[in-house]
Amino acid sequence: MTVSGLSSGGFMAAQFAVIHSSTVTGVGVVAGGPYGCGLGGAMVTPACMTGTPSGQGARLVAEMNEMTGLIDPLAHVKGQRVYLFRGAADTVVGQGALDALRDFYKGVGVPEANLQVLGAFSAQHAFLSLTAASDCGYLGAPFVNHCGADGTTGGLPRYDQPGAILSKVLGTPLSAPVDSLSSAPQGFAQAPYLSPLSEMASTGYLYVPEPCRTAGANCRIHVVFHGCGQASAYVRDAVYGKLGYNGWADSNRIVVLYPQVEKNALAGNPLGCWDWWGYTGPFATRYGPQTRSVQAMIDRLAQSGS
């Protein structure tokens, strides 16, 4: 199983991969920050995003939670394959967050060969997709941009971030993405999997390639965590349908899970962000409501014949 995400989804991917490091083998973080940075609550989120959070501090928090059994043993993190990205023009998440992530992974022993850190693209705060309409410097919904000129008139070709992430976190050569999908993304009711106080949406999305619909197909699972204001309720299928993961998934036997979070100002989440500062409870542990909910979805997918 591998995970990735943008912004709050990047924070969520990083913490989920630490919490469940015995089963998560790779993580892709786009414009996110280090594990446990938001433990001080909402008041510290600006410092985590645009200040200079500490990778060493994140490691110390993880070590304390490891000792009390709140996360999997950190020894597993050493074997993870890690992709870290921040656009050089990003005005939402600063360089310090990327540096802290890098320092955290180096501190826990991830070898250089397993760690890819990209910060030179002149990109705003967004996923980068081959098919996005918004250009590289645009800031706004659906937070999916394109960077590059398709390689037709000079300059760099458009950057295929889903492909780059999957190539790194899976660690094996991938078949090229298909032009025509064998299946279609499907909605599913999240309610049966949700823990109390999870503040997640009623509907999640899933892409299951046709070859993976057979019992015993032995397909991988990749979880994509959307960013703030990027759930399907606000950007439709920009992430779960058009970002680009599904084409790669189809040709490489990967089931892609797109869990969804809802906006709720009364619960302290007015922008529809994944919890990385505590609005649902013990977010940085296996007992966090959102972590438990997503893990329940993964467990269901992993059942034979599901």
C-alpha atoms as a PDB file:
ATOM      1  CA  MET A   1       0.000   0.000   0.000  1.00  0.00           C
ATOM      2  CA  THR A   2       1.163   3.528  -0.818  1.00  0.00           C
ATOM      3  CA  VAL A   3      -0.272   6.997  -0.124  1.00  0.00           C
ATOM      4  CA  SER A   4       0.006  10.550  -1.421  1.00  0.00           C
ATOM      5  CA  GLY A   5      -1.648  13.916  -0.954  1.00  0.00           C
ATOM      6  CA  LEU A   6      -1.645  17.667  -1.466  1.00  0.00           C
ATOM      7  CA  SER A   7      -1.521  20.363   1.242  1.00  0.00           C
ATOM      8  CA  SER A   8      -3.602  19.114   4.198  1.00  0.00           C
ATOM      9  CA  GLY A   9      -3.709  15.852   2.273  1.00  0.00           C
ATOM     10  CA  GLY A  10       0.089  15.981   2.157  1.00  0.00           C
ATOM     11  CA  PHE A  11       0.220  16.378   5.927  1.00  0.00           C
ATOM     12  CA  MET A  12      -2.285  13.514   6.179  1.00  0.00           C
ATOM     13  CA  ALA A  13      -0.298  11.267   3.843  1.00  0.00           C
ATOM     14  CA  ALA A  14       2.869  11.874   5.849  1.00  0.00           C
ATOM     15  CA  GLN A  15       1.245  11.142   9.208  1.00  0.00           C
ATOM     16  CA  PHE A  16      -0.732   8.147   7.904  1.00  0.00           C
ATOM     17  CA  ALA A  17       2.472   6.663   6.505  1.00  0.00           C
ATOM     18  CA  VAL A  18       4.191   7.044   9.883  1.00  0.00           C
ATOM     19  CA  ILE A  19       1.235   5.714  11.862  1.00  0.00           C
ATOM     20  CA  HIS A  20       0.868   2.645   9.629  1.00  0.00           C
ATOM     21  CA  SER A  21       4.463   2.251   8.497  1.00  0.00           C
ATOM     22  CA  SER A  22       4.304  -1.534   8.755  1.00  0.00           C
ATOM     23  CA  THR A  23       1.888  -1.619   5.799  1.00  0.00           C
ATOM     24  CA  VAL A  24       2.586   1.648   3.940  1.00  0.00           C
ATOM     25  CA  THR A  25       5.643   1.146   1.744  1.00  0.00           C
ATOM     26  CA  GLY A  26       5.762   4.528   0.016  1.00  0.00           C
ATOM     27  CA  VAL A  27       4.514   8.091   0.474  1.00  0.00           C
ATOM     28  CA  GLY A  28       4.211  11.105  -1.816  1.00  0.00           C
ATOM     29  CA  VAL A  29       3.797  14.531  -0.208  1.00  0.00           C
ATOM     30  CA  VAL A  30       2.976  17.616  -2.285  1.00  0.00           C
ATOM     31  CA  ALA A  31       3.135  20.899  -0.352  1.00  0.00           C
ATOM     32  CA  GLY A  32       2.723  19.221   3.019  1.00  0.00           C
ATOM     33  CA  GLY A  33       4.606  19.195   6.285  1.00  0.00           C
ATOM     34  CA  PRO A  34       6.117  16.912   8.905  1.00  0.00           C
ATOM     35  CA  TYR A  35       4.463  14.401  11.198  1.00  0.00           C
ATOM     36  CA  GLY A  36       2.987  15.817  14.397  1.00  0.00           C
ATOM     37  CA  CYS A  37       3.659  19.465  13.560  1.00  0.00           C
ATOM     38  CA  GLY A  38       0.123  20.534  14.463  1.00  0.00           C
ATOM     39  CA  LEU A  39       0.058  19.052  17.963  1.00  0.00           C
ATOM     40  CA  GLY A  40      -0.148  22.581  19.392  1.00  0.00           C
ATOM     41  CA  GLY A  41      -3.543  23.047  17.736  1.00  0.00           C
ATOM     42  CA  ALA A  42      -4.822  25.538  15.174  1.00  0.00           C
ATOM     43  CA  MET A  43      -2.674  28.330  16.592  1.00  0.00           C
ATOM     44  CA  VAL A  44       0.515  26.624  15.373  1.00  0.00           C
ATOM     45  CA  THR A  45      -0.651  25.794  11.856  1.00  0.00           C
ATOM     46  CA  PRO A  46       0.776  29.010  10.302  1.00  0.00           C
ATOM     47  CA  ALA A  47       4.198  28.173  11.730  1.00  0.00           C
ATOM     48  CA  CYS A  48       3.962  24.629  10.355  1.00  0.00           C
ATOM     49  CA  MET A  49       2.999  25.870   6.912  1.00  0.00           C
ATOM     50  CA  THR A  50       5.137  28.973   6.376  1.00  0.00           C
ATOM     51  CA  GLY A  51       7.629  28.973   9.244  1.00  0.00           C
ATOM     52  CA  THR A  52      10.534  26.693  10.009  1.00  0.00           C
ATOM     53  CA  PRO A  53       9.121  23.552  11.614  1.00  0.00           C
ATOM     54  CA  SER A  54      11.606  21.046  12.954  1.00  0.00           C
ATOM     55  CA  GLY A  55      12.228  17.686  11.370  1.00  0.00           C
ATOM     56  CA  GLN A  56      14.036  16.627  14.525  1.00  0.00           C
ATOM     57  CA  GLY A  57      11.027  17.683  16.590  1.00  0.00           C
ATOM     58  CA  ALA A  58       8.787  15.554  14.382  1.00  0.00           C
ATOM     59  CA  ARG A  59      11.085  12.593  14.928  1.00  0.00           C
ATOM     60  CA  LEU A  60      11.002  13.054  18.718  1.00  0.00           C
ATOM     61  CA  VAL A  61       7.195  13.144  18.699  1.00  0.00           C
ATOM     62  CA  ALA A  62       7.145   9.991  16.583  1.00  0.00           C
ATOM     63  CA  GLU A  63       9.585   8.260  18.933  1.00  0.00           C
ATOM     64  CA  MET A  64       7.388   9.077  21.940  1.00  0.00           C
ATOM     65  CA  ASN A  65       4.288   7.761  20.189  1.00  0.00           C
ATOM     66  CA  GLU A  66       6.200   4.669  19.119  1.00  0.00           C
ATOM     67  CA  MET A  67       7.124   3.898  22.741  1.00  0.00           C
ATOM     68  CA  THR A  68       3.477   4.001  23.795  1.00  0.00           C
ATOM     69  CA  GLY A  69       2.265   1.927  20.856  1.00  0.00           C
ATOM     70  CA  LEU A  70       0.308   4.777  19.256  1.00  0.00           C
ATOM     71  CA  ILE A  71       2.067   4.257  15.920  1.00  0.00           C
ATOM     72  CA  ASP A  72       3.878   1.381  14.226  1.00  0.00           C
ATOM     73  CA  PRO A  73       7.610   0.926  14.942  1.00  0.00           C
ATOM     74  CA  LEU A  74       9.649   3.612  13.190  1.00  0.00           C
ATOM     75  CA  ALA A  75      12.029   0.965  11.890  1.00  0.00           C
ATOM     76  CA  HIS A  76       9.489   0.396   9.113  1.00  0.00           C
ATOM     77  CA  VAL A  77       9.745   4.037   7.977  1.00  0.00           C
ATOM     78  CA  LYS A  78      13.376   3.443   7.052  1.00  0.00           C
ATOM     79  CA  GLY A  79      12.267   1.165   4.241  1.00  0.00           C
ATOM     80  CA  GLN A  80       9.681   3.513   2.767  1.00  0.00           C
ATOM     81  CA  ARG A  81      10.148   5.164  -0.625  1.00  0.00           C
ATOM     82  CA  VAL A  82       9.482   8.893  -0.308  1.00  0.00           C
ATOM     83  CA  TYR A  83       8.583  11.630  -2.817  1.00  0.00           C
ATOM     84  CA  LEU A  84       8.547  15.218  -1.506  1.00  0.00           C
ATOM     85  CA  PHE A  85       7.501  18.201  -3.624  1.00  0.00           C
ATOM     86  CA  ARG A  86       6.952  21.913  -3.105  1.00  0.00           C
ATOM     87  CA  GLY A  87       6.555  24.397  -5.942  1.00  0.00           C
ATOM     88  CA  ALA A  88       9.068  27.247  -5.790  1.00  0.00           C
ATOM     89  CA  ALA A  89       6.200  29.719  -6.351  1.00  0.00           C
ATOM     90  CA  ASP A  90       3.965  28.221  -3.637  1.00  0.00           C
ATOM     91  CA  THR A  91       2.500  31.028  -1.500  1.00  0.00           C
ATOM     92  CA  VAL A  92       0.595  28.712   0.869  1.00  0.00           C
ATOM     93  CA  VAL A  93       3.234  26.277   2.140  1.00  0.00           C
ATOM     94  CA  GLY A  94       6.822  27.445   2.550  1.00  0.00           C
ATOM     95  CA  GLN A  95      10.224  25.930   1.984  1.00  0.00           C
ATOM     96  CA  GLY A  96      10.597  25.264   5.695  1.00  0.00           C
ATOM     97  CA  ALA A  97       7.890  22.601   5.583  1.00  0.00           C
ATOM     98  CA  LEU A  98       9.680  20.755   2.783  1.00  0.00           C
ATOM     99  CA  ASP A  99      12.999  21.024   4.612  1.00  0.00           C
ATOM    100  CA  ALA A 100      11.462  19.646   7.804  1.00  0.00           C
ATOM    101  CA  LEU A 101       9.981  16.694   5.933  1.00  0.00           C
ATOM    102  CA  ARG A 102      13.348  15.956   4.370  1.00  0.00           C
ATOM    103  CA  ASP A 103      15.100  16.225   7.738  1.00  0.00           C
ATOM    104  CA  PHE A 104      12.530  13.957   9.393  1.00  0.00           C
ATOM    105  CA  TYR A 105      13.005  11.191   6.848  1.00  0.00           C
ATOM    106  CA  LYS A 106      16.769  11.504   6.934  1.00  0.00           C
ATOM    107  CA  GLY A 107      16.662  11.484  10.737  1.00  0.00           C
ATOM    108  CA  VAL A 108      14.735   8.210  10.919  1.00  0.00           C
ATOM    109  CA  GLY A 109      17.160   6.610   8.476  1.00  0.00           C
ATOM    110  CA  VAL A 110      15.529   6.662   5.045  1.00  0.00           C
ATOM    111  CA  PRO A 111      18.450   6.148   2.611  1.00  0.00           C
ATOM    112  CA  GLU A 112      19.191   8.773  -0.033  1.00  0.00           C
ATOM    113  CA  ALA A 113      18.222   6.365  -2.801  1.00  0.00           C
ATOM    114  CA  ASN A 114      14.698   6.134  -1.376  1.00  0.00           C
ATOM    115  CA  LEU A 115      14.224   9.881  -0.872  1.00  0.00           C
ATOM    116  CA  GLN A 116      13.348  12.271  -3.710  1.00  0.00           C
ATOM    117  CA  VAL A 117      13.057  15.985  -2.864  1.00  0.00           C
ATOM    118  CA  LEU A 118      11.857  18.406  -5.555  1.00  0.00           C
ATOM    119  CA  GLY A 119      11.633  22.151  -4.977  1.00  0.00           C
ATOM    120  CA  ALA A 120      12.806  23.842  -8.168  1.00  0.00           C
ATOM    121  CA  PHE A 121       9.582  23.797 -10.224  1.00  0.00           C
ATOM    122  CA  SER A 122       8.105  27.304 -10.469  1.00  0.00           C
ATOM    123  CA  ALA A 123       4.702  25.966  -9.430  1.00  0.00           C
ATOM    124  CA  GLN A 124       1.954  27.351  -7.207  1.00  0.00           C
ATOM    125  CA  HIS A 125       0.044  25.426  -4.549  1.00  0.00           C
ATOM    126  CA  ALA A 126      -1.510  22.566  -6.535  1.00  0.00           C
ATOM    127  CA  PHE A 127      -1.246  19.046  -7.839  1.00  0.00           C
ATOM    128  CA  LEU A 128       0.398  19.031 -11.288  1.00  0.00           C
ATOM    129  CA  SER A 129      -1.430  17.195 -14.041  1.00  0.00           C
ATOM    130  CA  LEU A 130      -0.926  16.666 -17.766  1.00  0.00           C
ATOM    131  CA  THR A 131      -4.532  17.589 -18.510  1.00  0.00           C
ATOM    132  CA  ALA A 132      -5.186  20.504 -16.143  1.00  0.00           C
ATOM    133  CA  ALA A 133      -6.596  23.719 -17.593  1.00  0.00           C
ATOM    134  CA  SER A 134      -5.007  26.053 -15.027  1.00  0.00           C
ATOM    135  CA  ASP A 135      -1.436  27.146 -15.661  1.00  0.00           C
ATOM    136  CA  CYS A 136       1.538  26.638 -13.377  1.00  0.00           C
ATOM    137  CA  GLY A 137       1.252  29.894 -11.433  1.00  0.00           C
ATOM    138  CA  TYR A 138      -2.490  29.818 -10.760  1.00  0.00           C
ATOM    139  CA  LEU A 139      -3.707  29.736  -7.150  1.00  0.00           C
ATOM    140  CA  GLY A 140      -7.280  28.581  -6.696  1.00  0.00           C
ATOM    141  CA  ALA A 141      -9.768  25.768  -7.201  1.00  0.00           C
ATOM    142  CA  PRO A 142      -9.539  23.048  -8.282  1.00  0.00           C
ATOM    143  CA  PHE A 143      -5.853  23.269  -7.181  1.00  0.00           C
ATOM    144  CA  VAL A 144      -4.811  21.148 -10.144  1.00  0.00           C
ATOM    145  CA  ASN A 145      -2.442  22.943 -12.542  1.00  0.00           C
ATOM    146  CA  HIS A 146      -0.233  22.128 -15.491  1.00  0.00           C
ATOM    147  CA  CYS A 147       3.439  23.045 -15.696  1.00  0.00           C
ATOM    148  CA  GLY A 148       5.397  22.924 -18.922  1.00  0.00           C
ATOM    149  CA  ALA A 149       4.686  23.295 -22.616  1.00  0.00           C
ATOM    150  CA  ASP A 150       3.989  19.731 -23.731  1.00  0.00           C
ATOM    151  CA  GLY A 151       7.456  19.592 -25.228  1.00  0.00           C
ATOM    152  CA  THR A 152       6.149  20.904 -28.543  1.00  0.00           C
ATOM    153  CA  THR A 153       7.546  24.424 -28.665  1.00  0.00           C
ATOM    154  CA  GLY A 154      10.600  24.228 -26.457  1.00  0.00           C
ATOM    155  CA  GLY A 155      10.906  24.342 -22.719  1.00  0.00           C
ATOM    156  CA  LEU A 156      10.105  21.489 -20.376  1.00  0.00           C
ATOM    157  CA  PRO A 157       7.310  19.037 -21.178  1.00  0.00           C
ATOM    158  CA  ARG A 158       4.282  19.051 -18.934  1.00  0.00           C
ATOM    159  CA  TYR A 159       5.004  17.385 -15.629  1.00  0.00           C
ATOM    160  CA  ASP A 160       3.007  14.257 -14.861  1.00  0.00           C
ATOM    161  CA  GLN A 161       2.990  14.335 -11.070  1.00  0.00           C
ATOM    162  CA  PRO A 162       0.787  11.270 -10.489  1.00  0.00           C
ATOM    163  CA  GLY A 163       3.160   9.264 -12.656  1.00  0.00           C
ATOM    164  CA  ALA A 164       6.218  10.705 -10.907  1.00  0.00           C
ATOM    165  CA  ILE A 165       4.765   9.926  -7.482  1.00  0.00           C
ATOM    166  CA  LEU A 166       3.753   6.363  -8.329  1.00  0.00           C
ATOM    167  CA  SER A 167       7.082   5.665 -10.011  1.00  0.00           C
ATOM    168  CA  LYS A 168       8.954   6.741  -6.879  1.00  0.00           C
ATOM    169  CA  VAL A 169       6.779   5.289  -4.143  1.00  0.00           C
ATOM    170  CA  LEU A 170       6.291   1.914  -5.832  1.00  0.00           C
ATOM    171  CA  GLY A 171       9.975   1.569  -6.604  1.00  0.00           C
ATOM    172  CA  THR A 172       9.476  -0.615  -9.670  1.00  0.00           C
ATOM    173  CA  PRO A 173       9.348   0.189 -13.388  1.00  0.00           C
ATOM    174  CA  LEU A 174       5.793   1.043 -14.409  1.00  0.00           C
ATOM    175  CA  SER A 175       3.925   0.411 -17.635  1.00  0.00           C
ATOM    176  CA  ALA A 176       2.850   3.574 -19.441  1.00  0.00           C
ATOM    177  CA  PRO A 177      -0.597   4.897 -18.515  1.00  0.00           C
ATOM    178  CA  VAL A 178      -3.510   3.833 -20.690  1.00  0.00           C
ATOM    179  CA  ASP A 179      -5.283   6.292 -22.980  1.00  0.00           C
ATOM    180  CA  SER A 180      -8.667   4.696 -22.375  1.00  0.00           C
ATOM    181  CA  LEU A 181      -9.648   3.432 -18.939  1.00  0.00           C
ATOM    182  CA  SER A 182     -10.921  -0.108 -18.528  1.00  0.00           C
ATOM    183  CA  SER A 183     -13.313   1.013 -15.819  1.00  0.00           C
ATOM    184  CA  ALA A 184     -14.743   4.216 -14.339  1.00  0.00           C
ATOM    185  CA  PRO A 185     -14.337   5.898 -10.950  1.00  0.00           C
ATOM    186  CA  GLN A 186     -17.183   4.986  -8.652  1.00  0.00           C
ATOM    187  CA  GLY A 187     -18.697   6.594  -5.588  1.00  0.00           C
ATOM    188  CA  PHE A 188     -19.300   4.630  -2.428  1.00  0.00           C
ATOM    189  CA  ALA A 189     -20.906   5.316   0.933  1.00  0.00           C
ATOM    190  CA  GLN A 190     -18.222   6.179   3.474  1.00  0.00           C
ATOM    191  CA  ALA A 191     -20.601   5.931   6.446  1.00  0.00           C
ATOM    192  CA  PRO A 192     -20.027   2.207   7.195  1.00  0.00           C
ATOM    193  CA  TYR A 193     -16.323   2.880   7.666  1.00  0.00           C
ATOM    194  CA  LEU A 194     -16.390   6.153   9.583  1.00  0.00           C
ATOM    195  CA  SER A 195     -15.374   6.504  13.214  1.00  0.00           C
ATOM    196  CA  PRO A 196     -17.270   8.981  15.395  1.00  0.00           C
ATOM    197  CA  LEU A 197     -16.072  12.604  15.025  1.00  0.00           C
ATOM    198  CA  SER A 198     -14.253  11.868  11.774  1.00  0.00           C
ATOM    199  CA  GLU A 199     -15.971  14.806  10.011  1.00  0.00           C
ATOM    200  CA  MET A 200     -15.713  13.008   6.682  1.00  0.00           C
ATOM    201  CA  ALA A 201     -18.111  13.248   3.767  1.00  0.00           C
ATOM    202  CA  SER A 202     -20.948  10.840   3.019  1.00  0.00           C
ATOM    203  CA  THR A 203     -19.431   9.735  -0.302  1.00  0.00           C
ATOM    204  CA  GLY A 204     -15.909   8.631  -1.188  1.00  0.00           C
ATOM    205  CA  TYR A 205     -14.505   7.521  -4.536  1.00  0.00           C
ATOM    206  CA  LEU A 206     -12.642   4.534  -5.829  1.00  0.00           C
ATOM    207  CA  TYR A 207     -10.977   3.517  -9.062  1.00  0.00           C
ATOM    208  CA  VAL A 208     -10.768  -0.217  -9.650  1.00  0.00           C
ATOM    209  CA  PRO A 209      -9.177  -1.315 -12.948  1.00  0.00           C
ATOM    210  CA  GLU A 210     -11.068  -4.133 -14.615  1.00  0.00           C
ATOM    211  CA  PRO A 211      -8.256  -6.696 -13.973  1.00  0.00           C
ATOM    212  CA  CYS A 212      -8.511  -5.912 -10.252  1.00  0.00           C
ATOM    213  CA  ARG A 213     -12.207  -6.769 -10.035  1.00  0.00           C
ATOM    214  CA  THR A 214     -11.482 -10.494  -9.918  1.00  0.00           C
ATOM    215  CA  ALA A 215     -11.064 -12.223  -6.560  1.00  0.00           C
ATOM    216  CA  GLY A 216      -7.399 -12.894  -5.830  1.00  0.00           C
ATOM    217  CA  ALA A 217      -6.201 -10.351  -8.404  1.00  0.00           C
ATOM    218  CA  ASN A 218      -3.368  -9.272  -6.096  1.00  0.00           C
ATOM    219  CA  CYS A 219      -3.479  -5.567  -6.946  1.00  0.00           C
ATOM    220  CA  ARG A 220      -1.759  -2.757  -5.092  1.00  0.00           C
ATOM    221  CA  ILE A 221      -3.673  -0.052  -3.197  1.00  0.00           C
ATOM    222  CA  HIS A 222      -2.842   3.658  -3.445  1.00  0.00           C
ATOM    223  CA  VAL A 223      -4.656   6.263  -1.327  1.00  0.00           C
ATOM    224  CA  VAL A 224      -4.905   9.866  -2.562  1.00  0.00           C
ATOM    225  CA  PHE A 225      -5.688  12.520   0.072  1.00  0.00           C
ATOM    226  CA  HIS A 226      -7.140  15.684  -1.477  1.00  0.00           C
ATOM    227  CA  GLY A 227      -6.243  19.157  -0.217  1.00  0.00           C
ATOM    228  CA  CYS A 228      -8.370  21.752   1.578  1.00  0.00           C
ATOM    229  CA  GLY A 229     -11.449  22.675  -0.432  1.00  0.00           C
ATOM    230  CA  GLN A 230     -10.570  19.977  -2.945  1.00  0.00           C
ATOM    231  CA  ALA A 231     -13.136  17.313  -2.118  1.00  0.00           C
ATOM    232  CA  SER A 232     -15.536  16.276  -4.858  1.00  0.00           C
ATOM    233  CA  ALA A 233     -18.282  18.436  -3.344  1.00  0.00           C
ATOM    234  CA  TYR A 234     -16.267  21.513  -4.353  1.00  0.00           C
ATOM    235  CA  VAL A 235     -14.190  20.507  -7.412  1.00  0.00           C
ATOM    236  CA  ARG A 236     -16.270  17.593  -8.760  1.00  0.00           C
ATOM    237  CA  ASP A 237     -14.051  14.963 -10.404  1.00  0.00           C
ATOM    238  CA  ALA A 238     -10.924  17.134 -10.773  1.00  0.00           C
ATOM    239  CA  VAL A 239      -9.028  14.837  -8.395  1.00  0.00           C
ATOM    240  CA  TYR A 240     -10.710  11.444  -8.432  1.00  0.00           C
ATOM    241  CA  GLY A 241     -11.447  11.469 -12.159  1.00  0.00           C
ATOM    242  CA  LYS A 242      -9.081  13.779 -14.021  1.00  0.00           C
ATOM    243  CA  LEU A 243      -5.842  14.199 -12.071  1.00  0.00           C
ATOM    244  CA  GLY A 244      -4.083  11.314 -13.784  1.00  0.00           C
ATOM    245  CA  TYR A 245      -3.673   8.550 -11.218  1.00  0.00           C
ATOM    246  CA  ASN A 246      -6.290   6.318 -12.822  1.00  0.00           C
ATOM    247  CA  GLY A 247      -4.498   5.911 -16.159  1.00  0.00           C
ATOM    248  CA  TRP A 248      -1.378   4.711 -14.371  1.00  0.00           C
ATOM    249  CA  ALA A 249      -3.467   2.536 -12.071  1.00  0.00           C
ATOM    250  CA  ASP A 250      -5.144   0.838 -15.007  1.00  0.00           C
ATOM    251  CA  SER A 251      -1.919  -0.308 -16.633  1.00  0.00           C
ATOM    252  CA  ASN A 252      -0.202  -1.260 -13.372  1.00  0.00           C
ATOM    253  CA  ARG A 253      -2.929  -3.075 -11.407  1.00  0.00           C
ATOM    254  CA  ILE A 254      -3.433  -0.436  -8.749  1.00  0.00           C
ATOM    255  CA  VAL A 255      -6.703   0.247  -6.923  1.00  0.00           C
ATOM    256  CA  VAL A 256      -6.919   3.964  -6.076  1.00  0.00           C
ATOM    257  CA  LEU A 257      -8.903   5.128  -3.055  1.00  0.00           C
ATOM    258  CA  TYR A 258     -10.002   8.774  -2.853  1.00  0.00           C
ATOM    259  CA  PRO A 259     -11.463   9.325   0.645  1.00  0.00           C
ATOM    260  CA  GLN A 260     -13.300  12.614   1.159  1.00  0.00           C
ATOM    261  CA  VAL A 261     -13.514  15.188   3.960  1.00  0.00           C
ATOM    262  CA  GLU A 262     -16.401  17.620   4.450  1.00  0.00           C
ATOM    263  CA  LYS A 263     -16.286  21.290   5.480  1.00  0.00           C
ATOM    264  CA  ASN A 264     -17.650  22.000   8.962  1.00  0.00           C
ATOM    265  CA  ALA A 265     -16.953  25.391  10.516  1.00  0.00           C
ATOM    266  CA  LEU A 266     -18.561  24.364  13.814  1.00  0.00           C
ATOM    267  CA  ALA A 267     -16.106  21.467  14.092  1.00  0.00           C
ATOM    268  CA  GLY A 268     -13.149  23.744  13.419  1.00  0.00           C
ATOM    269  CA  ASN A 269     -12.722  22.734   9.784  1.00  0.00           C
ATOM    270  CA  PRO A 270     -14.257  25.495   7.625  1.00  0.00           C
ATOM    271  CA  LEU A 271     -12.101  24.729   4.573  1.00  0.00           C
ATOM    272  CA  GLY A 272     -12.601  20.975   4.341  1.00  0.00           C
ATOM    273  CA  CYS A 273      -9.045  20.020   5.316  1.00  0.00           C
ATOM    274  CA  TRP A 274      -7.734  16.712   6.571  1.00  0.00           C
ATOM    275  CA  ASP A 275      -6.986  16.813  10.280  1.00  0.00           C
ATOM    276  CA  TRP A 276      -3.344  17.498  11.084  1.00  0.00           C
ATOM    277  CA  TRP A 277      -3.901  19.844  14.052  1.00  0.00           C
ATOM    278  CA  GLY A 278      -6.457  18.040  16.204  1.00  0.00           C
ATOM    279  CA  TYR A 279      -9.981  19.142  15.318  1.00  0.00           C
ATOM    280  CA  THR A 280     -11.113  15.487  15.468  1.00  0.00           C
ATOM    281  CA  GLY A 281      -8.989  14.289  18.385  1.00  0.00           C
ATOM    282  CA  PRO A 282      -5.714  12.291  18.532  1.00  0.00           C
ATOM    283  CA  PHE A 283      -4.934  12.810  14.842  1.00  0.00           C
ATOM    284  CA  ALA A 284      -1.266  11.727  14.968  1.00  0.00           C
ATOM    285  CA  THR A 285      -2.043   8.228  16.289  1.00  0.00           C
ATOM    286  CA  ARG A 286      -3.707   5.056  15.082  1.00  0.00           C
ATOM    287  CA  TYR A 287      -6.748   6.149  17.122  1.00  0.00           C
ATOM    288  CA  GLY A 288      -7.336   9.352  15.139  1.00  0.00           C
ATOM    289  CA  PRO A 289     -10.912   9.223  13.762  1.00  0.00           C
ATOM    290  CA  GLN A 290      -9.876   9.962  10.183  1.00  0.00           C
ATOM    291  CA  THR A 291      -6.960   7.545  10.266  1.00  0.00           C
ATOM    292  CA  ARG A 292      -9.204   4.807  11.632  1.00  0.00           C
ATOM    293  CA  SER A 293     -11.848   5.541   8.999  1.00  0.00           C
ATOM    294  CA  VAL A 294      -9.448   5.382   6.069  1.00  0.00           C
ATOM    295  CA  GLN A 295      -7.819   2.252   7.475  1.00  0.00           C
ATOM    296  CA  ALA A 296     -11.260   0.625   7.659  1.00  0.00           C
ATOM    297  CA  MET A 297     -11.742   1.363   3.959  1.00  0.00           C
ATOM    298  CA  ILE A 298      -8.332  -0.121   3.152  1.00  0.00           C
ATOM    299  CA  ASP A 299      -9.093  -3.217   5.208  1.00  0.00           C
ATOM    300  CA  ARG A 300     -12.301  -3.709   3.237  1.00  0.00           C
ATOM    301  CA  LEU A 301     -10.448  -3.387  -0.068  1.00  0.00           C
ATOM    302  CA  ALA A 302      -7.847  -5.881   1.081  1.00  0.00           C
ATOM    303  CA  GLN A 303     -10.428  -8.572   1.814  1.00  0.00           C
ATOM    304  CA  SER A 304     -10.350 -11.416  -0.668  1.00  0.00           C
ATOM    305  CA  GLY A 305     -13.084 -11.086  -3.233  1.00  0.00           C
ATOM    306  CA  SER A 306     -14.174  -7.598  -2.134  1.00  0.00           C
END
